[in-house]
Amino acid sequence: MSVALAYVGFKRYRRYNPWSVRILTWGGLRGGLAIAMALSIPSGIWVIEDKLIDVKEIIMVMTYSVVVFSILIQGSTITPMIEKAKLAEKEMQKEMQPEGEIKTQQD
């Protein structure tokens, strides 16, 4: 949401690739903030006191599981998104090019 709102404001001044918001959102921080918040939970709060199961340990396991999933799944699927963004960028450049002008290829 925060990425999309910034793009809405800046669209007045510049054209953006339609895939750029998706890539920034999908790329994300990969759980850095979530791990920091999980680490800030105090130890010694027991879920089941007889079994010595600490709330912080449960939250840490769940947080790391989500982060690893994010790295593996989102990380492996971002390349196709970038390829689609490159194609969209080429289409945008074709639309902006004057009809009589010959385009030189730059890769």
PDB file of N, CA and C in Angstrom:
ATOM      1  N   MET A   1       0.822  -1.183   0.000  1.00  0.00           N
ATOM      2  CA  MET A   1       0.000   0.000   0.000  1.00  0.00           C
ATOM      3  C   MET A   1       0.876   1.261   0.000  1.00  0.00           C
ATOM      4  N   SER A   2       1.915   1.258   0.812  1.00  0.00           N
ATOM      5  CA  SER A   2       2.772   2.446   0.883  1.00  0.00           C
ATOM      6  C   SER A   2       3.525   2.663  -0.424  1.00  0.00           C
ATOM      7  N   VAL A   3       3.895   1.586  -1.105  1.00  0.00           N
ATOM      8  CA  VAL A   3       4.595   1.716  -2.387  1.00  0.00           C
ATOM      9  C   VAL A   3       3.635   2.260  -3.436  1.00  0.00           C
ATOM     10  N   ALA A   4       2.420   1.726  -3.479  1.00  0.00           N
ATOM     11  CA  ALA A   4       1.443   2.153  -4.477  1.00  0.00           C
ATOM     12  C   ALA A   4       1.062   3.622  -4.296  1.00  0.00           C
ATOM     13  N   LEU A   5       0.921   4.069  -3.066  1.00  0.00           N
ATOM     14  CA  LEU A   5       0.559   5.465  -2.829  1.00  0.00           C
ATOM     15  C   LEU A   5       1.645   6.425  -3.310  1.00  0.00           C
ATOM     16  N   ALA A   6       2.885   6.052  -3.108  1.00  0.00           N
ATOM     17  CA  ALA A   6       3.985   6.900  -3.588  1.00  0.00           C
ATOM     18  C   ALA A   6       3.961   6.998  -5.112  1.00  0.00           C
ATOM     19  N   TYR A   7       3.690   5.898  -5.776  1.00  0.00           N
ATOM     20  CA  TYR A   7       3.636   5.904  -7.236  1.00  0.00           C
ATOM     21  C   TYR A   7       2.486   6.752  -7.754  1.00  0.00           C
ATOM     22  N   VAL A   8       1.352   6.732  -7.064  1.00  0.00           N
ATOM     23  CA  VAL A   8       0.216   7.552  -7.478  1.00  0.00           C
ATOM     24  C   VAL A   8       0.607   9.026  -7.455  1.00  0.00           C
ATOM     25  N   GLY A   9       1.304   9.434  -6.420  1.00  0.00           N
ATOM     26  CA  GLY A   9       1.728  10.826  -6.319  1.00  0.00           C
ATOM     27  C   GLY A   9       2.752  11.224  -7.368  1.00  0.00           C
ATOM     28  N   PHE A  10       3.684  10.348  -7.661  1.00  0.00           N
ATOM     29  CA  PHE A  10       4.760  10.685  -8.590  1.00  0.00           C
ATOM     30  C   PHE A  10       4.388  10.479 -10.058  1.00  0.00           C
ATOM     31  N   LYS A  11       3.248   9.850 -10.342  1.00  0.00           N
ATOM     32  CA  LYS A  11       2.839   9.640 -11.729  1.00  0.00           C
ATOM     33  C   LYS A  11       2.604  10.959 -12.464  1.00  0.00           C
ATOM     34  N   ARG A  12       2.371  12.021 -11.716  1.00  0.00           N
ATOM     35  CA  ARG A  12       2.173  13.326 -12.353  1.00  0.00           C
ATOM     36  C   ARG A  12       3.447  13.816 -13.031  1.00  0.00           C
ATOM     37  N   TYR A  13       4.590  13.386 -12.538  1.00  0.00           N
ATOM     38  CA  TYR A  13       5.864  13.898 -13.021  1.00  0.00           C
ATOM     39  C   TYR A  13       6.611  12.941 -13.946  1.00  0.00           C
ATOM     40  N   ARG A  14       6.244  11.666 -13.912  1.00  0.00           N
ATOM     41  CA  ARG A  14       7.026  10.662 -14.642  1.00  0.00           C
ATOM     42  C   ARG A  14       6.166   9.457 -14.940  1.00  0.00           C
ATOM     43  N   ARG A  15       6.467   8.756 -16.031  1.00  0.00           N
ATOM     44  CA  ARG A  15       5.785   7.495 -16.337  1.00  0.00           C
ATOM     45  C   ARG A  15       6.565   6.346 -15.727  1.00  0.00           C
ATOM     46  N   TYR A  16       5.856   5.430 -15.123  1.00  0.00           N
ATOM     47  CA  TYR A  16       6.479   4.263 -14.503  1.00  0.00           C
ATOM     48  C   TYR A  16       6.033   2.993 -15.180  1.00  0.00           C
ATOM     49  N   ASN A  17       6.892   2.023 -15.142  1.00  0.00           N
ATOM     50  CA  ASN A  17       6.561   0.692 -15.628  1.00  0.00           C
ATOM     51  C   ASN A  17       5.434   0.137 -14.758  1.00  0.00           C
ATOM     52  N   PRO A  18       4.374  -0.409 -15.360  1.00  0.00           N
ATOM     53  CA  PRO A  18       3.264  -0.925 -14.556  1.00  0.00           C
ATOM     54  C   PRO A  18       3.649  -2.085 -13.644  1.00  0.00           C
ATOM     55  N   TRP A  19       4.745  -2.737 -13.915  1.00  0.00           N
ATOM     56  CA  TRP A  19       5.194  -3.863 -13.087  1.00  0.00           C
ATOM     57  C   TRP A  19       6.052  -3.423 -11.908  1.00  0.00           C
ATOM     58  N   SER A  20       6.457  -2.178 -11.866  1.00  0.00           N
ATOM     59  CA  SER A  20       7.394  -1.742 -10.830  1.00  0.00           C
ATOM     60  C   SER A  20       6.814  -1.849  -9.419  1.00  0.00           C
ATOM     61  N   VAL A  21       5.538  -1.508  -9.238  1.00  0.00           N
ATOM     62  CA  VAL A  21       4.926  -1.614  -7.912  1.00  0.00           C
ATOM     63  C   VAL A  21       4.851  -3.076  -7.487  1.00  0.00           C
ATOM     64  N   ARG A  22       4.489  -3.946  -8.416  1.00  0.00           N
ATOM     65  CA  ARG A  22       4.407  -5.379  -8.103  1.00  0.00           C
ATOM     66  C   ARG A  22       5.759  -5.938  -7.687  1.00  0.00           C
ATOM     67  N   ILE A  23       6.801  -5.551  -8.408  1.00  0.00           N
ATOM     68  CA  ILE A  23       8.140  -6.062  -8.090  1.00  0.00           C
ATOM     69  C   ILE A  23       8.602  -5.559  -6.730  1.00  0.00           C
ATOM     70  N   LEU A  24       8.399  -4.283  -6.455  1.00  0.00           N
ATOM     71  CA  LEU A  24       8.811  -3.735  -5.157  1.00  0.00           C
ATOM     72  C   LEU A  24       8.037  -4.386  -4.009  1.00  0.00           C
ATOM     73  N   THR A  25       6.757  -4.610  -4.218  1.00  0.00           N
ATOM     74  CA  THR A  25       5.937  -5.234  -3.181  1.00  0.00           C
ATOM     75  C   THR A  25       6.312  -6.696  -2.995  1.00  0.00           C
ATOM     76  N   TRP A  26       6.499  -7.410  -4.095  1.00  0.00           N
ATOM     77  CA  TRP A  26       6.830  -8.835  -4.021  1.00  0.00           C
ATOM     78  C   TRP A  26       8.228  -9.040  -3.472  1.00  0.00           C
ATOM     79  N   GLY A  27       9.158  -8.151  -3.816  1.00  0.00           N
ATOM     80  CA  GLY A  27      10.530  -8.266  -3.329  1.00  0.00           C
ATOM     81  C   GLY A  27      10.627  -8.051  -1.834  1.00  0.00           C
ATOM     82  N   GLY A  28      10.065  -6.973  -1.360  1.00  0.00           N
ATOM     83  CA  GLY A  28       9.960  -6.694   0.068  1.00  0.00           C
ATOM     84  C   GLY A  28      11.254  -6.805   0.846  1.00  0.00           C
ATOM     85  N   LEU A  29      11.120  -6.845   2.147  1.00  0.00           N
ATOM     86  CA  LEU A  29      12.269  -6.950   3.046  1.00  0.00           C
ATOM     87  C   LEU A  29      12.572  -8.378   3.453  1.00  0.00           C
ATOM     88  N   ARG A  30      11.748  -9.307   3.067  1.00  0.00           N
ATOM     89  CA  ARG A  30      11.934 -10.725   3.389  1.00  0.00           C
ATOM     90  C   ARG A  30      11.933 -10.998   4.890  1.00  0.00           C
ATOM     91  N   GLY A  31      11.139 -10.273   5.635  1.00  0.00           N
ATOM     92  CA  GLY A  31      10.923 -10.591   7.039  1.00  0.00           C
ATOM     93  C   GLY A  31      11.870  -9.955   8.025  1.00  0.00           C
ATOM     94  N   GLY A  32      12.677  -9.023   7.610  1.00  0.00           N
ATOM     95  CA  GLY A  32      13.608  -8.381   8.541  1.00  0.00           C
ATOM     96  C   GLY A  32      12.905  -7.712   9.703  1.00  0.00           C
ATOM     97  N   LEU A  33      11.824  -7.017   9.412  1.00  0.00           N
ATOM     98  CA  LEU A  33      11.069  -6.335  10.461  1.00  0.00           C
ATOM     99  C   LEU A  33      10.348  -7.351  11.360  1.00  0.00           C
ATOM    100  N   ALA A  34       9.806  -8.401  10.754  1.00  0.00           N
ATOM    101  CA  ALA A  34       9.105  -9.423  11.540  1.00  0.00           C
ATOM    102  C   ALA A  34      10.051 -10.114  12.525  1.00  0.00           C
ATOM    103  N   ILE A  35      11.251 -10.424  12.087  1.00  0.00           N
ATOM    104  CA  ILE A  35      12.223 -11.072  12.977  1.00  0.00           C
ATOM    105  C   ILE A  35      12.630 -10.117  14.100  1.00  0.00           C
ATOM    106  N   ALA A  36      12.812  -8.848  13.777  1.00  0.00           N
ATOM    107  CA  ALA A  36      13.166  -7.870  14.812  1.00  0.00           C
ATOM    108  C   ALA A  36      12.069  -7.758  15.868  1.00  0.00           C
ATOM    109  N   MET A  37      10.824  -7.762  15.420  1.00  0.00           N
ATOM    110  CA  MET A  37       9.720  -7.683  16.382  1.00  0.00           C
ATOM    111  C   MET A  37       9.611  -8.956  17.215  1.00  0.00           C
ATOM    112  N   ALA A  38       9.835 -10.109  16.594  1.00  0.00           N
ATOM    113  CA  ALA A  38       9.776 -11.371  17.333  1.00  0.00           C
ATOM    114  C   ALA A  38      10.896 -11.439  18.373  1.00  0.00           C
ATOM    115  N   LEU A  39      12.058 -10.923  18.036  1.00  0.00           N
ATOM    116  CA  LEU A  39      13.170 -10.913  18.982  1.00  0.00           C
ATOM    117  C   LEU A  39      12.919  -9.976  20.168  1.00  0.00           C
ATOM    118  N   SER A  40      12.049  -8.993  19.966  1.00  0.00           N
ATOM    119  CA  SER A  40      11.783  -8.033  21.041  1.00  0.00           C
ATOM    120  C   SER A  40      10.795  -8.557  22.094  1.00  0.00           C
ATOM    121  N   ILE A  41      10.186  -9.702  21.844  1.00  0.00           N
ATOM    122  CA  ILE A  41       9.252 -10.279  22.820  1.00  0.00           C
ATOM    123  C   ILE A  41      10.053 -10.769  24.023  1.00  0.00           C
ATOM    124  N   PRO A  42       9.626 -10.419  25.221  1.00  0.00           N
ATOM    125  CA  PRO A  42      10.379 -10.861  26.406  1.00  0.00           C
ATOM    126  C   PRO A  42      10.245 -12.369  26.634  1.00  0.00           C
ATOM    127  N   SER A  43      11.304 -12.968  27.133  1.00  0.00           N
ATOM    128  CA  SER A  43      11.283 -14.399  27.468  1.00  0.00           C
ATOM    129  C   SER A  43      10.621 -14.603  28.824  1.00  0.00           C
ATOM    130  N   GLY A  44      10.205 -15.817  29.065  1.00  0.00           N
ATOM    131  CA  GLY A  44       9.658 -16.142  30.372  1.00  0.00           C
ATOM    132  C   GLY A  44       8.144 -16.088  30.448  1.00  0.00           C
ATOM    133  N   ILE A  45       7.481 -15.880  29.319  1.00  0.00           N
ATOM    134  CA  ILE A  45       6.018 -15.935  29.286  1.00  0.00           C
ATOM    135  C   ILE A  45       5.664 -17.323  28.768  1.00  0.00           C
ATOM    136  N   TRP A  46       5.079 -18.125  29.620  1.00  0.00           N
ATOM    137  CA  TRP A  46       4.855 -19.525  29.298  1.00  0.00           C
ATOM    138  C   TRP A  46       3.465 -19.766  28.726  1.00  0.00           C
ATOM    139  N   VAL A  47       3.401 -20.542  27.652  1.00  0.00           N
ATOM    140  CA  VAL A  47       2.119 -20.952  27.092  1.00  0.00           C
ATOM    141  C   VAL A  47       1.577 -22.097  27.934  1.00  0.00           C
ATOM    142  N   ILE A  48       2.406 -23.105  28.106  1.00  0.00           N
ATOM    143  CA  ILE A  48       2.081 -24.243  28.971  1.00  0.00           C
ATOM    144  C   ILE A  48       3.228 -24.343  29.966  1.00  0.00           C
ATOM    145  N   GLU A  49       2.957 -23.935  31.177  1.00  0.00           N
ATOM    146  CA  GLU A  49       4.018 -23.834  32.167  1.00  0.00           C
ATOM    147  C   GLU A  49       4.618 -25.197  32.517  1.00  0.00           C
ATOM    148  N   ASP A  50       3.783 -26.247  32.555  1.00  0.00           N
ATOM    149  CA  ASP A  50       4.286 -27.587  32.889  1.00  0.00           C
ATOM    150  C   ASP A  50       5.288 -28.095  31.846  1.00  0.00           C
ATOM    151  N   LYS A  51       5.098 -27.729  30.591  1.00  0.00           N
ATOM    152  CA  LYS A  51       5.967 -28.200  29.499  1.00  0.00           C
ATOM    153  C   LYS A  51       7.096 -27.224  29.197  1.00  0.00           C
ATOM    154  N   LEU A  52       7.119 -26.087  29.869  1.00  0.00           N
ATOM    155  CA  LEU A  52       8.110 -25.029  29.658  1.00  0.00           C
ATOM    156  C   LEU A  52       8.162 -24.571  28.190  1.00  0.00           C
ATOM    157  N   ILE A  53       6.995 -24.291  27.644  1.00  0.00           N
ATOM    158  CA  ILE A  53       6.898 -23.780  26.274  1.00  0.00           C
ATOM    159  C   ILE A  53       6.740 -22.271  26.360  1.00  0.00           C
ATOM    160  N   ASP A  54       7.760 -21.572  25.896  1.00  0.00           N
ATOM    161  CA  ASP A  54       7.821 -20.109  25.966  1.00  0.00           C
ATOM    162  C   ASP A  54       7.136 -19.492  24.741  1.00  0.00           C
ATOM    163  N   VAL A  55       6.402 -18.405  24.949  1.00  0.00           N
ATOM    164  CA  VAL A  55       5.727 -17.693  23.863  1.00  0.00           C
ATOM    165  C   VAL A  55       6.741 -17.199  22.832  1.00  0.00           C
ATOM    166  N   LYS A  56       7.865 -16.670  23.299  1.00  0.00           N
ATOM    167  CA  LYS A  56       8.879 -16.139  22.386  1.00  0.00           C
ATOM    168  C   LYS A  56       9.392 -17.225  21.452  1.00  0.00           C
ATOM    169  N   GLU A  57       9.614 -18.425  21.965  1.00  0.00           N
ATOM    170  CA  GLU A  57      10.098 -19.520  21.122  1.00  0.00           C
ATOM    171  C   GLU A  57       9.091 -19.880  20.041  1.00  0.00           C
ATOM    172  N   ILE A  58       7.817 -19.921  20.391  1.00  0.00           N
ATOM    173  CA  ILE A  58       6.778 -20.246  19.404  1.00  0.00           C
ATOM    174  C   ILE A  58       6.711 -19.172  18.329  1.00  0.00           C
ATOM    175  N   ILE A  59       6.729 -17.916  18.753  1.00  0.00           N
ATOM    176  CA  ILE A  59       6.680 -16.801  17.792  1.00  0.00           C
ATOM    177  C   ILE A  59       7.904 -16.810  16.891  1.00  0.00           C
ATOM    178  N   MET A  60       9.076 -17.099  17.443  1.00  0.00           N
ATOM    179  CA  MET A  60      10.308 -17.146  16.635  1.00  0.00           C
ATOM    180  C   MET A  60      10.242 -18.243  15.583  1.00  0.00           C
ATOM    181  N   VAL A  61       9.763 -19.425  15.965  1.00  0.00           N
ATOM    182  CA  VAL A  61       9.653 -20.532  15.004  1.00  0.00           C
ATOM    183  C   VAL A  61       8.677 -20.166  13.893  1.00  0.00           C
ATOM    184  N   MET A  62       7.542 -19.606  14.257  1.00  0.00           N
ATOM    185  CA  MET A  62       6.556 -19.220  13.236  1.00  0.00           C
ATOM    186  C   MET A  62       7.108 -18.129  12.327  1.00  0.00           C
ATOM    187  N   THR A  63       7.797 -17.152  12.901  1.00  0.00           N
ATOM    188  CA  THR A  63       8.341 -16.053  12.109  1.00  0.00           C
ATOM    189  C   THR A  63       9.409 -16.546  11.141  1.00  0.00           C
ATOM    190  N   TYR A  64      10.332 -17.353  11.622  1.00  0.00           N
ATOM    191  CA  TYR A  64      11.365 -17.892  10.730  1.00  0.00           C
ATOM    192  C   TYR A  64      10.772 -18.766   9.644  1.00  0.00           C
ATOM    193  N   SER A  65       9.719 -19.491   9.946  1.00  0.00           N
ATOM    194  CA  SER A  65       9.061 -20.323   8.930  1.00  0.00           C
ATOM    195  C   SER A  65       8.496 -19.457   7.809  1.00  0.00           C
ATOM    196  N   VAL A  66       7.837 -18.378   8.174  1.00  0.00           N
ATOM    197  CA  VAL A  66       7.277 -17.476   7.169  1.00  0.00           C
ATOM    198  C   VAL A  66       8.387 -16.801   6.366  1.00  0.00           C
ATOM    199  N   VAL A  67       9.465 -16.408   7.011  1.00  0.00           N
ATOM    200  CA  VAL A  67      10.577 -15.757   6.318  1.00  0.00           C
ATOM    201  C   VAL A  67      11.254 -16.718   5.342  1.00  0.00           C
ATOM    202  N   VAL A  68      11.489 -17.932   5.761  1.00  0.00           N
ATOM    203  CA  VAL A  68      12.109 -18.919   4.860  1.00  0.00           C
ATOM    204  C   VAL A  68      11.196 -19.199   3.677  1.00  0.00           C
ATOM    205  N   PHE A  69       9.893 -19.341   3.930  1.00  0.00           N
ATOM    206  CA  PHE A  69       8.938 -19.526   2.846  1.00  0.00           C
ATOM    207  C   PHE A  69       9.001 -18.348   1.879  1.00  0.00           C
ATOM    208  N   SER A  70       9.049 -17.147   2.430  1.00  0.00           N
ATOM    209  CA  SER A  70       9.110 -15.946   1.609  1.00  0.00           C
ATOM    210  C   SER A  70      10.371 -15.928   0.740  1.00  0.00           C
ATOM    211  N   ILE A  71      11.483 -16.286   1.324  1.00  0.00           N
ATOM    212  CA  ILE A  71      12.742 -16.293   0.567  1.00  0.00           C
ATOM    213  C   ILE A  71      12.694 -17.332  -0.549  1.00  0.00           C
ATOM    214  N   LEU A  72      12.221 -18.508  -0.235  1.00  0.00           N
ATOM    215  CA  LEU A  72      12.220 -19.590  -1.228  1.00  0.00           C
ATOM    216  C   LEU A  72      11.180 -19.376  -2.326  1.00  0.00           C
ATOM    217  N   ILE A  73       9.951 -19.077  -1.947  1.00  0.00           N
ATOM    218  CA  ILE A  73       8.881 -18.967  -2.936  1.00  0.00           C
ATOM    219  C   ILE A  73       8.918 -17.620  -3.652  1.00  0.00           C
ATOM    220  N   GLN A  74       8.879 -16.542  -2.906  1.00  0.00           N
ATOM    221  CA  GLN A  74       8.883 -15.239  -3.554  1.00  0.00           C
ATOM    222  C   GLN A  74      10.209 -14.974  -4.268  1.00  0.00           C
ATOM    223  N   GLY A  75      11.291 -15.400  -3.688  1.00  0.00           N
ATOM    224  CA  GLY A  75      12.591 -15.197  -4.316  1.00  0.00           C
ATOM    225  C   GLY A  75      12.728 -15.941  -5.625  1.00  0.00           C
ATOM    226  N   SER A  76      12.138 -17.123  -5.705  1.00  0.00           N
ATOM    227  CA  SER A  76      12.249 -17.903  -6.935  1.00  0.00           C
ATOM    228  C   SER A  76      11.265 -17.456  -8.009  1.00  0.00           C
ATOM    229  N   THR A  77      10.245 -16.685  -7.643  1.00  0.00           N
ATOM    230  CA  THR A  77       9.264 -16.252  -8.635  1.00  0.00           C
ATOM    231  C   THR A  77       9.445 -14.800  -9.073  1.00  0.00           C
ATOM    232  N   ILE A  78      10.413 -14.106  -8.536  1.00  0.00           N
ATOM    233  CA  ILE A  78      10.571 -12.697  -8.914  1.00  0.00           C
ATOM    234  C   ILE A  78      11.225 -12.531 -10.287  1.00  0.00           C
ATOM    235  N   THR A  79      12.022 -13.493 -10.710  1.00  0.00           N
ATOM    236  CA  THR A  79      12.681 -13.399 -12.023  1.00  0.00           C
ATOM    237  C   THR A  79      11.669 -13.312 -13.159  1.00  0.00           C
ATOM    238  N   PRO A  80      10.629 -14.172 -13.201  1.00  0.00           N
ATOM    239  CA  PRO A  80       9.631 -14.008 -14.264  1.00  0.00           C
ATOM    240  C   PRO A  80       8.923 -12.649 -14.222  1.00  0.00           C
ATOM    241  N   MET A  81       8.723 -12.118 -13.025  1.00  0.00           N
ATOM    242  CA  MET A  81       8.104 -10.797 -12.925  1.00  0.00           C
ATOM    243  C   MET A  81       9.010  -9.728 -13.532  1.00  0.00           C
ATOM    244  N   ILE A  82      10.297  -9.839 -13.297  1.00  0.00           N
ATOM    245  CA  ILE A  82      11.245  -8.870 -13.852  1.00  0.00           C
ATOM    246  C   ILE A  82      11.273  -8.972 -15.374  1.00  0.00           C
ATOM    247  N   GLU A  83      11.193 -10.186 -15.903  1.00  0.00           N
ATOM    248  CA  GLU A  83      11.163 -10.371 -17.362  1.00  0.00           C
ATOM    249  C   GLU A  83       9.926  -9.712 -17.960  1.00  0.00           C
ATOM    250  N   LYS A  84       8.775  -9.864 -17.311  1.00  0.00           N
ATOM    251  CA  LYS A  84       7.556  -9.211 -17.785  1.00  0.00           C
ATOM    252  C   LYS A  84       7.691  -7.690 -17.710  1.00  0.00           C
ATOM    253  N   ALA A  85       8.361  -7.208 -16.688  1.00  0.00           N
ATOM    254  CA  ALA A  85       8.569  -5.776 -16.558  1.00  0.00           C
ATOM    255  C   ALA A  85       9.460  -5.245 -17.679  1.00  0.00           C
ATOM    256  N   LYS A  86      10.455  -6.025 -18.063  1.00  0.00           N
ATOM    257  CA  LYS A  86      11.322  -5.608 -19.172  1.00  0.00           C
ATOM    258  C   LYS A  86      10.539  -5.515 -20.470  1.00  0.00           C
ATOM    259  N   LEU A  87       9.648  -6.482 -20.701  1.00  0.00           N
ATOM    260  CA  LEU A  87       8.815  -6.437 -21.903  1.00  0.00           C
ATOM    261  C   LEU A  87       7.889  -5.218 -21.877  1.00  0.00           C
ATOM    262  N   ALA A  88       7.316  -4.934 -20.725  1.00  0.00           N
ATOM    263  CA  ALA A  88       6.445  -3.772 -20.596  1.00  0.00           C
ATOM    264  C   ALA A  88       7.233  -2.481 -20.824  1.00  0.00           C
ATOM    265  N   GLU A  89       8.474  -2.448 -20.365  1.00  0.00           N
ATOM    266  CA  GLU A  89       9.327  -1.273 -20.561  1.00  0.00           C
ATOM    267  C   GLU A  89       9.595  -1.050 -22.049  1.00  0.00           C
ATOM    268  N   LYS A  90       9.848  -2.127 -22.781  1.00  0.00           N
ATOM    269  CA  LYS A  90      10.072  -2.000 -24.229  1.00  0.00           C
ATOM    270  C   LYS A  90       8.823  -1.469 -24.922  1.00  0.00           C
ATOM    271  N   GLU A  91       7.654  -1.943 -24.496  1.00  0.00           N
ATOM    272  CA  GLU A  91       6.396  -1.458 -25.065  1.00  0.00           C
ATOM    273  C   GLU A  91       6.198   0.027 -24.761  1.00  0.00           C
ATOM    274  N   MET A  92       6.534   0.430 -23.559  1.00  0.00           N
ATOM    275  CA  MET A  92       6.406   1.847 -23.196  1.00  0.00           C
ATOM    276  C   MET A  92       7.323   2.712 -24.054  1.00  0.00           C
ATOM    277  N   GLN A  93       8.546   2.210 -24.307  1.00  0.00           N
ATOM    278  CA  GLN A  93       9.490   2.977 -25.125  1.00  0.00           C
ATOM    279  C   GLN A  93       8.995   3.083 -26.562  1.00  0.00           C
ATOM    280  N   LYS A  94       8.369   2.017 -27.082  1.00  0.00           N
ATOM    281  CA  LYS A  94       7.823   2.062 -28.442  1.00  0.00           C
ATOM    282  C   LYS A  94       6.704   3.090 -28.538  1.00  0.00           C
ATOM    283  N   GLU A  95       5.869   3.172 -27.497  1.00  0.00           N
ATOM    284  CA  GLU A  95       4.766   4.128 -27.495  1.00  0.00           C
ATOM    285  C   GLU A  95       5.264   5.560 -27.433  1.00  0.00           C
ATOM    286  N   MET A  96       6.351   5.802 -26.736  1.00  0.00           N
ATOM    287  CA  MET A  96       6.868   7.154 -26.554  1.00  0.00           C
ATOM    288  C   MET A  96       7.714   7.611 -27.746  1.00  0.00           C
ATOM    289  N   GLN A  97       8.173   6.688 -28.587  1.00  0.00           N
ATOM    290  CA  GLN A  97       9.054   7.011 -29.703  1.00  0.00           C
ATOM    291  C   GLN A  97       8.255   7.675 -30.830  1.00  0.00           C
ATOM    292  N   PRO A  98       8.740   8.809 -31.350  1.00  0.00           N
ATOM    293  CA  PRO A  98       8.086   9.412 -32.498  1.00  0.00           C
ATOM    294  C   PRO A  98       8.137   8.479 -33.701  1.00  0.00           C
ATOM    295  N   GLU A  99       7.130   8.541 -34.563  1.00  0.00           N
ATOM    296  CA  GLU A  99       7.003   7.585 -35.653  1.00  0.00           C
ATOM    297  C   GLU A  99       8.155   7.648 -36.667  1.00  0.00           C
ATOM    298  N   GLY A 100       8.668   8.808 -36.977  1.00  0.00           N
ATOM    299  CA  GLY A 100       9.705   8.931 -37.980  1.00  0.00           C
ATOM    300  C   GLY A 100      11.100   8.608 -37.485  1.00  0.00           C
ATOM    301  N   GLU A 101      11.267   8.449 -36.181  1.00  0.00           N
ATOM    302  CA  GLU A 101      12.598   8.269 -35.597  1.00  0.00           C
ATOM    303  C   GLU A 101      12.999   6.800 -35.633  1.00  0.00           C
ATOM    304  N   ILE A 102      14.262   6.544 -35.975  1.00  0.00           N
ATOM    305  CA  ILE A 102      14.790   5.185 -35.973  1.00  0.00           C
ATOM    306  C   ILE A 102      15.417   4.919 -34.626  1.00  0.00           C
ATOM    307  N   LYS A 103      15.011   3.834 -34.033  1.00  0.00           N
ATOM    308  CA  LYS A 103      15.488   3.502 -32.689  1.00  0.00           C
ATOM    309  C   LYS A 103      16.764   2.669 -32.764  1.00  0.00           C
ATOM    310  N   THR A 104      17.746   3.001 -31.944  1.00  0.00           N
ATOM    311  CA  THR A 104      18.948   2.186 -31.830  1.00  0.00           C
ATOM    312  C   THR A 104      18.767   1.249 -30.666  1.00  0.00           C
ATOM    313  N   GLN A 105      19.184   0.016 -30.829  1.00  0.00           N
ATOM    314  CA  GLN A 105      18.989  -0.985 -29.779  1.00  0.00           C
ATOM    315  C   GLN A 105      20.094  -0.859 -28.738  1.00  0.00           C
ATOM    316  N   GLN A 106      19.682  -0.798 -27.442  1.00  0.00           N
ATOM    317  CA  GLN A 106      20.629  -0.718 -26.349  1.00  0.00           C
ATOM    318  C   GLN A 106      20.325  -1.836 -25.374  1.00  0.00           C
ATOM    319  N   ASP A 107      21.211  -2.751 -25.178  1.00  0.00           N
ATOM    320  CA  ASP A 107      21.039  -3.855 -24.215  1.00  0.00           C
ATOM    321  C   ASP A 107      22.161  -3.937 -23.260  1.00  0.00           C
TER     322      ASP A 107
END
